[in-house]
Amino acid sequence: MQKNYRKTLMACYLGFITQAICANFAPLLFLTFHKDYQISLGHIALIPTAFFLTQLIVDALCAQYVDKIGYRRAIVGSQVTSALGLAGLAFLPEMLGDPFIGVILCVILYAIGSGLMEVLGSPIVEACPFDNKDAVMSLLHSFYCWGSVAVVLLSTVFFSVFGVACWKILACLWAIVPLWNIVNFLRCPIEHLVEDGQGMTIRQLCKAPLFWLAVLLMVCSGASELAMAQWASAYAEAALGLSKTLGDLLGPCLFAITMGISRVLYGKYGEKVELTSFMLGSGALCLVCYLLASMTANPIWGLVGCIACGFSVGIMWPGTLSITSARMPLGGTALFALLAMAGDLGGAFGPSMVGYATQLAGDDLRAGLQVGCIFPIGLMIGLIIMRRMTKKNQVQKD
């Protein structure tokens, strides 16, 4: 029987939506955890740290062990741990003596699932025999954006109708998504990027200059995206004097929408555009957006810069994965895992750099965003070097 790889693609779409649920649901409840469980704000701040640190650890472990475990077992495990972590938020904090321990354990559980999905979703789709894989990869990553928007909007509607006190019911409802996707991943065809034992080792990857260029691109991609995304709400509140709710809707929510739109557009029309050139244009637009948000005296135009930045960064992460896997076809799972780790590192220190620069400038967020300009600049420099390196290798082969 002919394999239906559309089932694989749909399962990965839902997997990226699950990843968005894991990343965005708990932050909506930070003040609720503080009030209901008397968890200090200092401890609350450790929740995103635990989430991203767990993802980094999973990225590193996947590079070494996921081929031995097998794609199907690992990807099914990602949905199991995601479901357990999300549903556990409704029960575990009250079952343990310290609610904070219960929350952190649940966060670590679904962060394991999120990390596995982040590493495995892309190579699973890359291994499928689709035409124009660059466009398919871009469309795949757009589902993280749509998932993020859905979590914010649907959760806000749920809380408005039923009240925040019913958040435990919503946690269980969100857990249904990965539970359903377990069945999808058990039934869909899954291929491997390279034959067993033929993929490059971590040591071989580290000896390749192209790999380190790809790491630079991923760090700059993650930093360009998260530095603006995580400060967009604060920008909307500070510059326009909006409430927290409106700030979230006009900041991170619209940022995610424009990022998703850019990925869908490339997914539909990407075969007509050379990917490296498109990414260079995206890097240039991203730089303009950072400059607009950080230097304009008009707060409306500054907010436009924040939102348009989402469109500019949309192709950076999936595009880097595509151009690198095409140039290093034997990179295998280790390549995707290490690049995911590089992207997470960029996403971790990018917002911190902007925040630290803001503090040094007397809490001037615009000055902090000026520092963020180095991220798209670094991306463009890396792309230019990669393009020249590729042309040089082609000339030598000819």
Protein backbone atom coordinates (compact mmCIF):
# COMPACT_ATOMS: atom_id res chain seq x y z
CA MET A 1 0.00 0.00 0.00
CA GLN A 2 1.18 3.53 -0.78
CA LYS A 3 2.15 5.46 2.33
CA ASN A 4 0.08 8.54 3.14
CA TYR A 5 2.62 11.13 4.27
CA ARG A 6 -0.14 13.72 4.60
CA LYS A 7 -1.05 11.96 7.84
CA THR A 8 2.52 12.50 9.01
CA LEU A 9 2.31 16.18 8.12
CA MET A 10 -1.01 16.63 9.94
CA ALA A 11 0.38 14.93 13.04
CA CYS A 12 3.39 17.28 13.00
CA TYR A 13 1.08 20.29 12.54
CA LEU A 14 -0.80 19.26 15.67
CA GLY A 15 2.49 18.57 17.42
CA PHE A 16 3.64 22.16 16.83
CA ILE A 17 0.28 23.41 18.13
CA THR A 18 0.88 21.30 21.25
CA GLN A 19 4.31 22.89 21.62
CA ALA A 20 2.65 26.33 21.48
CA ILE A 21 0.16 25.29 24.18
CA CYS A 22 3.01 24.15 26.42
CA ALA A 23 4.94 27.39 25.93
CA ASN A 24 2.07 29.85 26.30
CA PHE A 25 -0.59 28.46 28.64
CA ALA A 26 1.15 28.61 32.03
CA PRO A 27 2.31 32.26 31.60
CA LEU A 28 -1.38 33.25 31.42
CA LEU A 29 -1.78 31.83 34.94
CA PHE A 30 1.23 33.36 36.70
CA LEU A 31 -0.86 35.76 38.80
CA THR A 32 -3.41 33.00 39.47
CA PHE A 33 -0.65 30.74 40.82
CA HIS A 34 0.54 33.66 42.96
CA LYS A 35 -2.93 34.30 44.44
CA ASP A 36 -4.28 30.73 44.73
CA TYR A 37 -1.13 28.95 45.89
CA GLN A 38 0.71 31.87 47.53
CA ILE A 39 3.73 31.22 45.32
CA SER A 40 6.08 34.19 45.45
CA LEU A 41 6.71 36.17 42.28
CA GLY A 42 10.38 35.25 42.58
CA HIS A 43 9.46 31.58 42.34
CA ILE A 44 6.97 32.33 39.57
CA ALA A 45 9.85 33.78 37.55
CA LEU A 46 11.58 30.38 37.74
CA ILE A 47 8.77 28.71 35.76
CA PRO A 48 9.87 29.92 32.28
CA THR A 49 13.47 29.30 33.29
CA ALA A 50 12.64 25.68 34.11
CA PHE A 51 10.75 25.33 30.84
CA PHE A 52 13.53 26.58 28.57
CA LEU A 53 16.32 24.91 30.56
CA THR A 54 14.52 21.56 30.24
CA GLN A 55 14.15 22.12 26.49
CA LEU A 56 17.88 22.82 26.18
CA ILE A 57 18.71 19.61 28.05
CA VAL A 58 16.32 17.63 25.84
CA ASP A 59 17.90 19.16 22.72
CA ALA A 60 21.35 18.04 23.87
CA LEU A 61 20.20 14.53 24.79
CA CYS A 62 18.34 14.10 21.50
CA ALA A 63 21.52 14.77 19.55
CA GLN A 64 23.10 11.77 21.26
CA TYR A 65 20.33 9.25 21.89
CA VAL A 66 17.17 9.80 19.83
CA ASP A 67 18.36 7.67 16.90
CA LYS A 68 18.84 4.76 19.31
CA ILE A 69 15.37 5.25 20.81
CA GLY A 70 13.68 5.61 17.42
CA TYR A 71 11.67 8.47 15.95
CA ARG A 72 8.24 6.95 16.60
CA ARG A 73 8.85 6.10 20.26
CA ALA A 74 10.36 9.51 20.92
CA ILE A 75 7.65 11.51 19.14
CA VAL A 76 4.86 9.54 20.83
CA GLY A 77 6.67 10.14 24.12
CA SER A 78 6.61 13.87 23.39
CA GLN A 79 2.82 13.84 23.19
CA VAL A 80 2.46 11.64 26.30
CA THR A 81 4.62 13.91 28.46
CA SER A 82 2.92 17.03 27.08
CA ALA A 83 -0.52 15.66 27.94
CA LEU A 84 0.57 14.54 31.42
CA GLY A 85 2.19 17.88 32.18
CA LEU A 86 -0.78 19.97 31.05
CA ALA A 87 -3.39 17.82 32.80
CA GLY A 88 -1.13 17.52 35.86
CA LEU A 89 -1.34 21.29 36.42
CA ALA A 90 -4.94 20.75 37.50
CA PHE A 91 -4.10 18.15 40.15
CA LEU A 92 -0.45 17.88 41.14
CA PRO A 93 0.06 21.28 42.88
CA GLU A 94 -2.65 20.47 45.44
CA MET A 95 -1.58 16.84 45.85
CA LEU A 96 1.92 17.79 47.00
CA GLY A 97 2.81 19.65 50.16
CA ASP A 98 4.34 22.53 48.22
CA PRO A 99 2.20 23.70 45.24
CA PHE A 100 5.26 25.27 43.61
CA ILE A 101 6.95 21.86 43.40
CA GLY A 102 3.84 20.48 41.71
CA VAL A 103 3.76 23.29 39.17
CA ILE A 104 7.47 22.94 38.37
CA LEU A 105 7.19 19.16 37.95
CA CYS A 106 4.33 19.64 35.46
CA VAL A 107 6.27 22.34 33.61
CA ILE A 108 9.30 20.05 33.33
CA LEU A 109 7.08 17.21 32.09
CA TYR A 110 5.50 19.15 29.25
CA ALA A 111 8.80 20.91 28.50
CA ILE A 112 10.25 17.46 27.79
CA GLY A 113 7.45 16.91 25.29
CA SER A 114 7.93 20.36 23.80
CA GLY A 115 11.67 19.82 23.43
CA LEU A 116 11.21 16.44 21.74
CA MET A 117 8.68 17.92 19.33
CA GLU A 118 10.97 20.84 18.55
CA VAL A 119 13.83 18.48 17.66
CA LEU A 120 11.90 15.72 15.88
CA GLY A 121 9.11 17.55 14.05
CA SER A 122 11.39 19.12 11.46
CA PRO A 123 13.48 16.03 10.55
CA ILE A 124 10.36 13.85 10.38
CA VAL A 125 8.83 16.22 7.82
CA GLU A 126 12.20 16.67 6.05
CA ALA A 127 12.41 12.89 5.62
CA CYS A 128 9.02 12.72 3.88
CA PRO A 129 9.14 12.71 0.05
CA PHE A 130 7.44 16.10 -0.43
CA ASP A 131 8.20 18.48 -3.29
CA ASN A 132 9.64 21.89 -2.36
CA LYS A 133 10.58 21.00 1.20
CA ASP A 134 11.59 24.58 2.03
CA ALA A 135 7.98 25.68 1.65
CA VAL A 136 6.65 22.65 3.54
CA MET A 137 9.03 23.37 6.42
CA SER A 138 7.93 27.01 6.57
CA LEU A 139 4.27 26.02 6.63
CA LEU A 140 4.97 23.47 9.36
CA HIS A 141 6.51 26.08 11.64
CA SER A 142 3.59 28.45 11.03
CA PHE A 143 1.44 26.15 13.13
CA TYR A 144 3.43 27.11 16.21
CA CYS A 145 2.37 30.71 15.53
CA TRP A 146 -1.29 29.81 15.04
CA GLY A 147 -1.16 27.66 18.18
CA SER A 148 0.25 30.57 20.18
CA VAL A 149 -2.51 32.89 18.97
CA ALA A 150 -5.18 30.27 19.67
CA VAL A 151 -3.94 29.68 23.22
CA VAL A 152 -4.03 33.40 24.06
CA LEU A 153 -7.37 34.15 22.39
CA LEU A 154 -9.29 31.00 23.34
CA SER A 155 -8.00 31.06 26.90
CA THR A 156 -8.98 34.72 27.22
CA VAL A 157 -12.48 33.93 25.94
CA PHE A 158 -12.76 30.93 28.29
CA PHE A 159 -11.74 33.04 31.31
CA SER A 160 -14.18 35.78 30.30
CA VAL A 161 -17.09 33.35 30.05
CA PHE A 162 -16.39 30.90 32.89
CA GLY A 163 -13.97 32.86 35.08
CA VAL A 164 -10.29 32.34 35.82
CA ALA A 165 -11.29 30.10 38.74
CA CYS A 166 -12.10 27.37 36.18
CA TRP A 167 -8.55 27.30 34.79
CA LYS A 168 -8.06 23.66 35.85
CA ILE A 169 -10.81 22.57 33.46
CA LEU A 170 -9.11 24.48 30.65
CA ALA A 171 -5.77 22.80 31.45
CA CYS A 172 -7.44 19.40 30.98
CA LEU A 173 -9.12 20.55 27.77
CA TRP A 174 -5.77 21.66 26.31
CA ALA A 175 -4.30 18.26 27.28
CA ILE A 176 -6.77 16.60 24.88
CA VAL A 177 -4.77 17.95 21.91
CA PRO A 178 -1.57 15.91 22.57
CA LEU A 179 -3.66 12.92 23.75
CA TRP A 180 -5.40 12.81 20.38
CA ASN A 181 -2.11 13.26 18.58
CA ILE A 182 -0.66 10.13 20.21
CA VAL A 183 -2.99 8.11 17.96
CA ASN A 184 -1.92 10.13 14.91
CA PHE A 185 1.79 9.47 15.48
CA LEU A 186 1.17 5.77 16.13
CA ARG A 187 -0.57 5.38 12.75
CA CYS A 188 1.27 7.71 10.37
CA PRO A 189 4.33 6.66 8.29
CA ILE A 190 7.64 7.91 9.72
CA GLU A 191 10.91 7.81 7.79
CA HIS A 192 14.49 8.58 8.87
CA LEU A 193 16.65 11.27 7.33
CA VAL A 194 19.61 8.91 6.89
CA GLU A 195 20.10 5.18 7.16
CA ASP A 196 21.01 3.80 10.55
CA GLY A 197 24.66 4.50 11.35
CA GLN A 198 25.25 6.71 8.29
CA GLY A 199 24.49 10.09 9.88
CA MET A 200 27.24 12.46 10.94
CA THR A 201 28.39 12.28 14.55
CA ILE A 202 28.49 15.31 16.82
CA ARG A 203 32.28 15.38 16.50
CA GLN A 204 32.05 15.34 12.69
CA LEU A 205 29.51 18.15 12.74
CA CYS A 206 31.69 20.26 15.01
CA LYS A 207 34.59 19.94 12.55
CA ALA A 208 32.50 21.37 9.69
CA PRO A 209 32.71 25.20 9.26
CA LEU A 210 29.26 25.17 7.66
CA PHE A 211 27.80 23.76 10.88
CA TRP A 212 29.12 26.67 12.96
CA LEU A 213 27.71 29.12 10.43
CA ALA A 214 24.35 27.41 10.84
CA VAL A 215 24.70 27.70 14.63
CA LEU A 216 25.29 31.45 14.22
CA LEU A 217 22.19 31.73 12.03
CA MET A 218 20.06 29.84 14.56
CA VAL A 219 21.30 31.90 17.52
CA CYS A 220 20.56 35.12 15.63
CA SER A 221 17.17 33.76 14.49
CA GLY A 222 16.09 32.83 18.01
CA ALA A 223 17.37 36.11 19.45
CA SER A 224 15.76 38.25 16.70
CA GLU A 225 12.41 36.55 17.27
CA LEU A 226 12.23 36.29 21.06
CA ALA A 227 13.89 39.61 21.92
CA MET A 228 11.08 41.48 20.19
CA ALA A 229 8.28 39.01 20.98
CA GLN A 230 8.88 39.00 24.73
CA TRP A 231 9.18 42.78 24.97
CA ALA A 232 6.32 43.63 22.58
CA SER A 233 3.69 43.61 25.36
CA ALA A 234 5.80 45.85 27.61
CA TYR A 235 6.40 48.18 24.65
CA ALA A 236 2.67 48.44 23.97
CA GLU A 237 1.95 49.15 27.64
CA ALA A 238 4.78 51.64 28.16
CA ALA A 239 4.58 53.52 24.86
CA LEU A 240 0.81 53.60 24.46
CA GLY A 241 -0.33 53.36 28.09
CA LEU A 242 -2.44 50.26 27.39
CA SER A 243 -3.71 47.72 29.91
CA LYS A 244 -1.97 44.37 30.30
CA THR A 245 -4.74 42.59 28.35
CA LEU A 246 -4.67 45.02 25.44
CA GLY A 247 -0.89 45.05 25.55
CA ASP A 248 -0.82 41.27 25.12
CA LEU A 249 -3.32 41.40 22.25
CA LEU A 250 -1.61 44.24 20.39
CA GLY A 251 1.91 43.03 21.17
CA PRO A 252 2.71 39.29 21.30
CA CYS A 253 -0.57 38.21 19.72
CA LEU A 254 -0.26 40.38 16.59
CA PHE A 255 3.46 39.55 16.48
CA ALA A 256 2.60 35.83 16.31
CA ILE A 257 -0.06 36.46 13.66
CA THR A 258 2.30 38.33 11.34
CA MET A 259 4.98 35.68 11.89
CA GLY A 260 2.50 32.97 10.96
CA ILE A 261 1.39 34.89 7.87
CA SER A 262 4.97 35.15 6.61
CA ARG A 263 5.48 31.39 7.04
CA VAL A 264 2.22 30.56 5.27
CA LEU A 265 3.05 32.91 2.38
CA TYR A 266 6.46 31.33 1.91
CA GLY A 267 4.86 27.90 2.23
CA LYS A 268 2.50 28.78 -0.64
CA TYR A 269 4.81 30.77 -2.92
CA GLY A 270 8.27 29.76 -1.71
CA GLU A 271 9.07 27.69 -4.78
CA LYS A 272 9.21 30.95 -6.77
CA VAL A 273 11.81 32.54 -4.46
CA GLU A 274 15.40 31.53 -3.66
CA LEU A 275 15.48 30.86 0.10
CA THR A 276 18.80 32.51 0.96
CA SER A 277 17.80 35.71 -0.85
CA PHE A 278 14.43 35.68 0.91
CA MET A 279 16.15 35.31 4.29
CA LEU A 280 18.53 38.17 3.50
CA GLY A 281 15.54 40.35 2.70
CA SER A 282 13.88 39.22 5.93
CA GLY A 283 17.00 40.11 7.90
CA ALA A 284 17.06 43.59 6.35
CA LEU A 285 13.36 44.10 7.14
CA CYS A 286 13.96 42.89 10.70
CA LEU A 287 16.73 45.47 11.14
CA VAL A 288 14.39 48.21 9.88
CA CYS A 289 11.72 47.06 12.36
CA TYR A 290 14.14 47.16 15.29
CA LEU A 291 15.29 50.64 14.24
CA LEU A 292 11.69 51.80 13.84
CA ALA A 293 10.69 50.51 17.27
CA SER A 294 13.79 51.89 18.98
CA MET A 295 14.28 55.29 17.33
CA THR A 296 10.90 56.69 16.31
CA ALA A 297 9.31 59.30 18.57
CA ASN A 298 5.83 58.21 17.47
CA PRO A 299 4.60 55.31 19.68
CA ILE A 300 2.15 54.13 17.00
CA TRP A 301 4.94 53.70 14.46
CA GLY A 302 7.04 52.02 17.15
CA LEU A 303 4.26 49.49 17.72
CA VAL A 304 4.02 48.96 13.94
CA GLY A 305 7.74 48.14 14.00
CA CYS A 306 7.19 45.58 16.78
CA ILE A 307 4.32 43.89 14.95
CA ALA A 308 5.98 43.95 11.51
CA CYS A 309 9.05 42.36 13.08
CA GLY A 310 6.97 39.19 13.45
CA PHE A 311 6.63 39.03 9.67
CA SER A 312 10.37 39.57 9.19
CA VAL A 313 11.51 36.81 11.56
CA GLY A 314 8.99 34.23 10.36
CA ILE A 315 11.26 32.50 7.86
CA MET A 316 14.49 32.71 9.88
CA TRP A 317 14.22 29.57 12.04
CA PRO A 318 12.65 27.14 9.50
CA GLY A 319 14.69 28.67 6.68
CA THR A 320 17.96 28.03 8.51
CA LEU A 321 16.96 24.40 9.08
CA SER A 322 16.13 23.99 5.39
CA ILE A 323 19.26 25.55 3.89
CA THR A 324 21.51 23.72 6.36
CA SER A 325 19.93 20.27 5.89
CA ALA A 326 20.18 20.73 2.10
CA ARG A 327 23.90 21.49 2.36
CA MET A 328 24.58 18.81 5.01
CA PRO A 329 22.30 15.92 3.96
CA LEU A 330 24.09 13.46 6.29
CA GLY A 331 23.65 15.71 9.32
CA GLY A 332 20.76 13.58 10.53
CA THR A 333 18.99 14.01 13.84
CA ALA A 334 22.10 15.34 15.57
CA LEU A 335 22.15 18.33 13.21
CA PHE A 336 18.52 19.25 13.90
CA ALA A 337 18.93 18.74 17.65
CA LEU A 338 22.02 20.93 17.92
CA LEU A 339 20.50 23.63 15.75
CA ALA A 340 17.37 23.61 17.90
CA MET A 341 19.59 24.03 20.96
CA ALA A 342 21.35 26.99 19.28
CA GLY A 343 17.98 28.58 18.51
CA ASP A 344 16.86 28.12 22.12
CA LEU A 345 20.10 29.68 23.35
CA GLY A 346 19.46 32.70 21.16
CA GLY A 347 15.90 32.87 22.44
CA ALA A 348 17.21 32.73 26.01
CA PHE A 349 19.89 35.41 25.92
CA GLY A 350 18.32 37.74 23.30
CA PRO A 351 15.52 39.06 25.54
CA SER A 352 17.95 39.18 28.49
CA MET A 353 20.36 41.40 26.54
CA VAL A 354 17.55 43.78 25.63
CA GLY A 355 16.34 43.83 29.24
CA TYR A 356 19.81 44.45 30.64
CA ALA A 357 20.49 47.23 28.12
CA THR A 358 17.11 48.77 29.00
CA GLN A 359 18.05 48.80 32.69
CA LEU A 360 21.45 50.40 32.00
CA ALA A 361 19.69 53.11 29.96
CA GLY A 362 17.45 54.07 32.88
CA ASP A 363 14.57 51.73 31.95
CA ASP A 364 14.43 53.10 28.40
CA LEU A 365 13.08 50.18 26.35
CA ARG A 366 13.89 51.92 23.08
CA ALA A 367 17.58 51.94 24.00
CA GLY A 368 17.35 48.25 24.82
CA LEU A 369 15.82 47.48 21.43
CA GLN A 370 18.67 49.33 19.72
CA VAL A 371 21.00 46.66 21.11
CA GLY A 372 18.72 44.08 19.50
CA CYS A 373 19.77 45.36 16.06
CA ILE A 374 22.90 43.19 16.30
CA PHE A 375 20.80 40.03 15.89
CA PRO A 376 19.48 40.60 12.33
CA ILE A 377 22.86 42.07 11.37
CA GLY A 378 24.56 38.87 12.55
CA LEU A 379 22.04 36.79 10.57
CA MET A 380 22.72 38.69 7.34
CA ILE A 381 26.49 38.43 7.75
CA GLY A 382 26.20 34.68 8.33
CA LEU A 383 23.99 34.23 5.25
CA ILE A 384 26.41 36.16 3.03
CA ILE A 385 29.33 34.04 4.25
CA MET A 386 27.33 30.83 3.74
CA ARG A 387 26.37 31.85 0.21
CA ARG A 388 29.99 32.59 -0.71
CA MET A 389 31.15 29.35 0.87
CA THR A 390 28.56 27.38 -1.11
CA LYS A 391 29.56 29.04 -4.39
CA LYS A 392 33.24 28.35 -3.69
CA ASN A 393 32.52 24.66 -3.03
CA GLN A 394 30.52 24.41 -6.28
CA VAL A 395 33.35 25.97 -8.27
CA GLN A 396 35.83 23.51 -6.77
CA LYS A 397 33.56 20.56 -7.66
CA ASP A 398 33.19 21.79 -11.24
